[in-house]
């Protein structure tokens, strides 16, 4: 019986630090949620289209993710030009 109590105590001590990291990220504000919804709607998501719900939001999220990954590039844009001397 004492070994069960010891095992339970050890398991509780091991699990305690894991529970403290559960809220490591900052909470999302209302403005951030509204901004994300506007981005999804611009990408083609219609919140009133509940018949195609899983597919239409996943498609819009993929489009937004691609747009966001394209906006985080470093260096000169692809439309830049250069010239050399005579």
N, C-alpha and C. Protein backbone atom coordinates (compact mmCIF):
# COMPACT_ATOMS: atom_id res chain seq x y z
N UNK A 1 0.82 -1.18 0.00
CA UNK A 1 0.00 0.00 0.00
C UNK A 1 0.86 1.25 0.00
N UNK A 2 1.97 1.23 0.74
CA UNK A 2 2.84 2.40 0.79
C UNK A 2 3.51 2.65 -0.56
N UNK A 3 3.78 1.60 -1.32
CA UNK A 3 4.42 1.78 -2.62
C UNK A 3 3.47 2.49 -3.60
N UNK A 4 2.17 2.25 -3.48
CA UNK A 4 1.20 2.94 -4.34
C UNK A 4 1.18 4.42 -4.02
N UNK A 5 1.22 4.75 -2.74
CA UNK A 5 1.21 6.15 -2.32
C UNK A 5 2.50 6.84 -2.78
N UNK A 6 3.62 6.15 -2.66
CA UNK A 6 4.89 6.73 -3.13
C UNK A 6 4.87 6.94 -4.64
N UNK A 7 4.33 5.97 -5.37
CA UNK A 7 4.26 6.11 -6.83
C UNK A 7 3.36 7.27 -7.22
N UNK A 8 2.25 7.43 -6.52
CA UNK A 8 1.34 8.54 -6.79
C UNK A 8 2.01 9.87 -6.48
N UNK A 9 2.75 9.95 -5.40
CA UNK A 9 3.45 11.18 -5.03
C UNK A 9 4.52 11.54 -6.05
N UNK A 10 5.26 10.55 -6.52
CA UNK A 10 6.28 10.79 -7.53
C UNK A 10 5.64 11.26 -8.84
N UNK A 11 4.54 10.63 -9.22
CA UNK A 11 3.85 11.03 -10.44
C UNK A 11 3.32 12.45 -10.33
N UNK A 12 2.82 12.84 -9.16
CA UNK A 12 2.32 14.20 -8.96
C UNK A 12 3.46 15.21 -9.04
N UNK A 13 4.61 14.87 -8.49
CA UNK A 13 5.76 15.77 -8.54
C UNK A 13 6.29 15.94 -9.96
N UNK A 14 6.24 14.87 -10.73
CA UNK A 14 6.69 14.93 -12.12
C UNK A 14 5.71 15.73 -12.98
N UNK A 15 4.42 15.60 -12.72
CA UNK A 15 3.40 16.27 -13.53
C UNK A 15 3.24 17.74 -13.19
N UNK A 16 3.62 18.18 -12.00
CA UNK A 16 3.44 19.56 -11.57
C UNK A 16 4.17 20.56 -12.47
N UNK A 17 5.44 20.35 -12.83
CA UNK A 17 6.10 21.32 -13.71
C UNK A 17 5.49 21.36 -15.11
N UNK A 18 4.97 20.25 -15.59
CA UNK A 18 4.35 20.25 -16.90
C UNK A 18 3.09 21.09 -16.93
N UNK A 19 2.34 21.09 -15.86
CA UNK A 19 1.11 21.88 -15.80
C UNK A 19 1.42 23.38 -15.73
N UNK A 20 2.57 23.75 -15.22
CA UNK A 20 2.91 25.17 -15.11
C UNK A 20 3.22 25.78 -16.47
N UNK A 21 3.57 24.99 -17.47
CA UNK A 21 3.88 25.50 -18.80
C UNK A 21 2.67 25.51 -19.72
N UNK A 22 1.50 25.20 -19.23
CA UNK A 22 0.32 25.11 -20.08
C UNK A 22 -0.08 26.45 -20.66
N UNK A 23 0.15 27.55 -19.96
CA UNK A 23 -0.26 28.87 -20.42
C UNK A 23 0.96 29.74 -20.76
N UNK A 24 1.89 29.22 -21.51
CA UNK A 24 3.11 29.97 -21.80
C UNK A 24 2.88 31.07 -22.83
N UNK A 25 1.89 30.95 -23.71
CA UNK A 25 1.66 31.98 -24.72
C UNK A 25 0.69 33.03 -24.20
N UNK A 26 0.77 34.20 -24.78
CA UNK A 26 -0.11 35.29 -24.38
C UNK A 26 -1.52 35.05 -24.91
N UNK A 27 -2.53 35.49 -24.19
CA UNK A 27 -3.90 35.33 -24.68
C UNK A 27 -4.14 36.21 -25.90
N UNK A 28 -5.05 35.77 -26.73
CA UNK A 28 -5.38 36.50 -27.95
C UNK A 28 -6.40 37.58 -27.61
N UNK A 29 -6.17 38.78 -28.13
CA UNK A 29 -7.10 39.88 -27.87
C UNK A 29 -8.27 39.83 -28.86
N UNK A 30 -9.31 40.56 -28.54
CA UNK A 30 -10.48 40.63 -29.41
C UNK A 30 -10.11 41.23 -30.77
N UNK A 31 -9.24 42.22 -30.76
CA UNK A 31 -8.83 42.86 -32.02
C UNK A 31 -8.07 41.87 -32.91
N UNK A 32 -7.25 41.02 -32.31
CA UNK A 32 -6.51 40.03 -33.09
C UNK A 32 -7.46 39.01 -33.71
N UNK A 33 -8.48 38.62 -32.97
CA UNK A 33 -9.46 37.66 -33.50
C UNK A 33 -10.23 38.29 -34.65
N UNK A 34 -10.63 39.56 -34.50
CA UNK A 34 -11.36 40.25 -35.58
C UNK A 34 -10.49 40.38 -36.83
N UNK A 35 -9.20 40.70 -36.63
CA UNK A 35 -8.28 40.83 -37.75
C UNK A 35 -8.12 39.50 -38.49
N UNK A 36 -8.02 38.42 -37.73
CA UNK A 36 -7.89 37.10 -38.35
C UNK A 36 -9.16 36.73 -39.12
N UNK A 37 -10.32 37.06 -38.56
CA UNK A 37 -11.57 36.78 -39.26
C UNK A 37 -11.68 37.58 -40.55
N UNK A 38 -11.23 38.84 -40.53
CA UNK A 38 -11.24 39.65 -41.75
C UNK A 38 -10.32 39.05 -42.80
N UNK A 39 -9.14 38.58 -42.38
CA UNK A 39 -8.22 37.93 -43.32
C UNK A 39 -8.85 36.68 -43.93
N UNK A 40 -9.52 35.88 -43.11
CA UNK A 40 -10.16 34.66 -43.61
C UNK A 40 -11.28 34.98 -44.57
N UNK A 41 -12.06 36.03 -44.27
CA UNK A 41 -13.15 36.40 -45.18
C UNK A 41 -12.60 36.92 -46.50
N UNK A 42 -11.48 37.66 -46.48
CA UNK A 42 -10.86 38.13 -47.72
C UNK A 42 -10.32 36.97 -48.54
N UNK A 43 -9.96 35.88 -47.86
CA UNK A 43 -9.44 34.69 -48.54
C UNK A 43 -10.56 33.79 -49.06
N UNK A 44 -11.82 34.17 -48.83
CA UNK A 44 -12.92 33.40 -49.38
C UNK A 44 -13.78 32.67 -48.37
N UNK A 45 -13.51 32.82 -47.09
CA UNK A 45 -14.30 32.14 -46.06
C UNK A 45 -15.60 32.88 -45.83
N UNK A 46 -16.71 32.14 -45.82
CA UNK A 46 -18.02 32.70 -45.52
C UNK A 46 -18.53 32.04 -44.25
N UNK A 47 -18.63 32.79 -43.14
CA UNK A 47 -19.07 32.18 -41.89
C UNK A 47 -20.51 31.68 -41.93
N UNK A 48 -21.30 32.17 -42.87
CA UNK A 48 -22.70 31.74 -42.98
C UNK A 48 -22.87 30.48 -43.81
N UNK A 49 -21.82 30.00 -44.44
CA UNK A 49 -21.89 28.79 -45.26
C UNK A 49 -21.57 27.58 -44.39
N UNK A 50 -22.54 27.12 -43.64
CA UNK A 50 -22.31 26.02 -42.71
C UNK A 50 -22.39 24.66 -43.39
N UNK A 51 -22.86 24.60 -44.63
CA UNK A 51 -22.91 23.31 -45.33
C UNK A 51 -21.52 22.83 -45.72
N UNK A 52 -20.63 23.76 -46.03
CA UNK A 52 -19.27 23.41 -46.45
C UNK A 52 -18.26 23.79 -45.38
N UNK A 53 -18.67 23.77 -44.12
CA UNK A 53 -17.87 24.34 -43.03
C UNK A 53 -16.44 23.81 -42.94
N UNK A 54 -16.18 22.57 -42.78
CA UNK A 54 -14.76 22.23 -42.56
C UNK A 54 -13.89 22.55 -43.75
N UNK A 55 -14.39 22.33 -44.94
CA UNK A 55 -13.57 22.52 -46.13
C UNK A 55 -13.30 23.99 -46.41
N UNK A 56 -14.34 24.84 -46.25
CA UNK A 56 -14.14 26.24 -46.64
C UNK A 56 -13.22 27.00 -45.68
N UNK A 57 -13.26 26.71 -44.40
CA UNK A 57 -12.34 27.42 -43.50
C UNK A 57 -10.92 26.88 -43.62
N UNK A 58 -10.78 25.59 -43.88
CA UNK A 58 -9.44 25.04 -44.07
C UNK A 58 -8.79 25.61 -45.32
N UNK A 59 -9.58 25.77 -46.37
CA UNK A 59 -9.06 26.36 -47.61
C UNK A 59 -8.64 27.81 -47.37
N UNK A 60 -9.47 28.58 -46.67
CA UNK A 60 -9.15 29.97 -46.39
C UNK A 60 -7.93 30.08 -45.48
N UNK A 61 -7.80 29.20 -44.49
CA UNK A 61 -6.64 29.23 -43.61
C UNK A 61 -5.36 28.90 -44.38
N UNK A 62 -5.45 28.01 -45.35
CA UNK A 62 -4.28 27.69 -46.16
C UNK A 62 -3.85 28.90 -46.99
N UNK A 63 -4.83 29.62 -47.53
CA UNK A 63 -4.52 30.82 -48.32
C UNK A 63 -3.88 31.88 -47.44
N UNK A 64 -4.42 32.11 -46.25
CA UNK A 64 -3.88 33.11 -45.33
C UNK A 64 -2.47 32.72 -44.88
N UNK A 65 -2.26 31.45 -44.61
CA UNK A 65 -0.93 30.99 -44.20
C UNK A 65 0.09 31.21 -45.31
N UNK A 66 -0.31 30.97 -46.56
CA UNK A 66 0.59 31.19 -47.68
C UNK A 66 0.90 32.68 -47.83
N UNK A 67 -0.13 33.53 -47.69
CA UNK A 67 0.09 34.97 -47.77
C UNK A 67 1.01 35.46 -46.66
N UNK A 68 0.83 34.94 -45.47
CA UNK A 68 1.67 35.37 -44.35
C UNK A 68 3.10 34.88 -44.51
N UNK A 69 3.29 33.70 -45.09
CA UNK A 69 4.65 33.20 -45.29
C UNK A 69 5.36 33.99 -46.38
N UNK A 70 4.61 34.48 -47.36
CA UNK A 70 5.21 35.30 -48.42
C UNK A 70 5.58 36.68 -47.91
N UNK A 71 4.90 37.17 -46.89
CA UNK A 71 5.17 38.50 -46.35
C UNK A 71 6.34 38.54 -45.40
N UNK A 72 6.86 37.39 -45.00
CA UNK A 72 7.94 37.38 -44.02
C UNK A 72 9.30 37.12 -44.66
N UNK A 73 9.42 37.29 -45.97
CA UNK A 73 10.68 37.03 -46.64
C UNK A 73 11.68 38.15 -46.36
N UNK A 74 12.95 37.85 -46.45
CA UNK A 74 14.01 38.82 -46.25
C UNK A 74 14.61 39.21 -47.59
N UNK A 75 15.19 40.37 -47.64
CA UNK A 75 15.89 40.79 -48.82
C UNK A 75 15.00 41.55 -49.78
N UNK A 76 15.55 41.82 -50.95
CA UNK A 76 14.82 42.59 -51.96
C UNK A 76 13.69 41.76 -52.54
N UNK A 77 12.67 42.43 -53.00
CA UNK A 77 11.53 41.75 -53.61
C UNK A 77 11.89 41.17 -54.95
N UNK A 78 11.02 40.34 -55.49
CA UNK A 78 11.30 39.71 -56.77
C UNK A 78 11.07 40.64 -57.94
N UNK A 79 10.42 41.77 -57.71
CA UNK A 79 10.15 42.71 -58.81
C UNK A 79 11.24 43.77 -58.93
N UNK A 80 12.31 43.68 -58.18
CA UNK A 80 13.36 44.68 -58.22
C UNK A 80 14.24 44.47 -59.45
N UNK A 81 14.87 45.55 -59.89
CA UNK A 81 15.77 45.49 -61.03
C UNK A 81 17.10 46.13 -60.65
N UNK A 82 18.10 45.84 -61.42
CA UNK A 82 19.39 46.47 -61.19
C UNK A 82 19.99 46.86 -62.54
N UNK A 83 20.88 47.86 -62.53
CA UNK A 83 21.52 48.31 -63.75
C UNK A 83 23.02 48.41 -63.52
N UNK A 84 23.75 48.21 -64.56
CA UNK A 84 25.19 48.36 -64.45
C UNK A 84 25.62 49.58 -65.28
N UNK A 85 26.81 50.03 -65.05
CA UNK A 85 27.33 51.21 -65.75
C UNK A 85 27.63 50.93 -67.22
N UNK A 86 28.01 52.00 -67.95
CA UNK A 86 28.30 51.88 -69.37
C UNK A 86 29.54 51.11 -69.64
